[in-house]
């Protein structure tokens, strides 16, 4: 089953590695550099899974999770 997965990490190398690995498993994947950018993307699309880095500058992964809970 092809899932739509959103990967959020402020470190480009880590984000790219995760995205590539998931693409090799034939998932649809989008990478985001911050929680703020992820939240904007969620206004237009609903993924099956969201992967969050917990420690990011600005909005942390936990802050993003608090925003996602009501959804």
Protein backbone atom coordinates (compact mmCIF):
# COMPACT_ATOMS: atom_id res chain seq x y z
CA UNK A 1 0.00 0.00 0.00
CA UNK A 2 1.39 3.41 -1.00
CA UNK A 3 1.14 5.79 1.90
CA UNK A 4 1.58 9.55 1.80
CA UNK A 5 4.21 10.36 4.42
CA UNK A 6 5.30 13.83 5.54
CA UNK A 7 8.85 13.97 6.95
CA UNK A 8 9.83 17.04 8.97
CA UNK A 9 13.44 17.62 10.02
CA UNK A 10 15.52 20.79 10.08
CA UNK A 11 18.69 18.89 9.13
CA UNK A 12 18.71 18.45 5.32
CA UNK A 13 20.93 15.35 5.33
CA UNK A 14 18.70 13.47 7.76
CA UNK A 15 15.50 14.59 6.03
CA UNK A 16 16.87 13.55 2.63
CA UNK A 17 18.03 10.15 3.90
CA UNK A 18 14.61 9.37 5.40
CA UNK A 19 12.78 10.56 2.28
CA UNK A 20 15.00 8.46 -0.02
CA UNK A 21 14.53 5.37 2.12
CA UNK A 22 10.75 5.72 2.10
CA UNK A 23 10.69 6.40 -1.65
CA UNK A 24 12.58 3.14 -2.22
CA UNK A 25 9.71 1.42 -0.40
CA UNK A 26 7.38 3.01 -3.00
CA UNK A 27 5.66 5.46 -0.66
CA UNK A 28 4.69 8.99 -1.64
CA UNK A 29 6.86 11.25 0.50
CA UNK A 30 7.21 14.98 1.05
CA UNK A 31 9.96 16.56 3.14
CA UNK A 32 9.65 19.75 5.17
CA UNK A 33 12.36 21.81 6.85
CA UNK A 34 10.24 23.17 9.71
CA UNK A 35 7.05 22.66 11.64
CA UNK A 36 5.68 25.90 10.27
CA UNK A 37 6.10 24.74 6.66
CA UNK A 38 4.55 21.38 7.52
CA UNK A 39 1.48 23.02 9.05
CA UNK A 40 0.96 25.11 5.89
CA UNK A 41 1.16 21.94 3.76
CA UNK A 42 -1.44 20.28 5.98
CA UNK A 43 -3.93 22.94 4.90
CA UNK A 44 -3.87 21.38 1.40
CA UNK A 45 -3.18 17.68 1.91
CA UNK A 46 -3.77 14.98 4.53
CA UNK A 47 -0.95 12.45 4.90
CA UNK A 48 -1.28 8.93 6.25
CA UNK A 49 1.73 9.49 8.52
CA UNK A 50 3.68 12.49 9.84
CA UNK A 51 7.27 12.01 11.03
CA UNK A 52 8.59 14.82 13.24
CA UNK A 53 12.02 15.73 14.55
CA UNK A 54 11.46 16.63 18.19
CA UNK A 55 14.24 19.23 18.43
CA UNK A 56 13.94 21.89 15.73
CA UNK A 57 14.53 25.63 15.93
CA UNK A 58 11.37 27.68 16.16
CA UNK A 59 8.49 25.26 16.46
CA UNK A 60 9.61 21.95 17.99
CA UNK A 61 8.14 18.60 17.02
CA UNK A 62 6.14 18.61 20.26
CA UNK A 63 4.74 22.06 19.43
CA UNK A 64 3.67 20.76 16.02
CA UNK A 65 2.08 17.70 17.61
CA UNK A 66 0.01 19.94 19.89
CA UNK A 67 -1.25 21.77 16.79
CA UNK A 68 -2.06 18.47 15.05
CA UNK A 69 -4.03 16.90 17.88
CA UNK A 70 -7.24 18.86 17.22
CA UNK A 71 -7.13 17.73 13.57
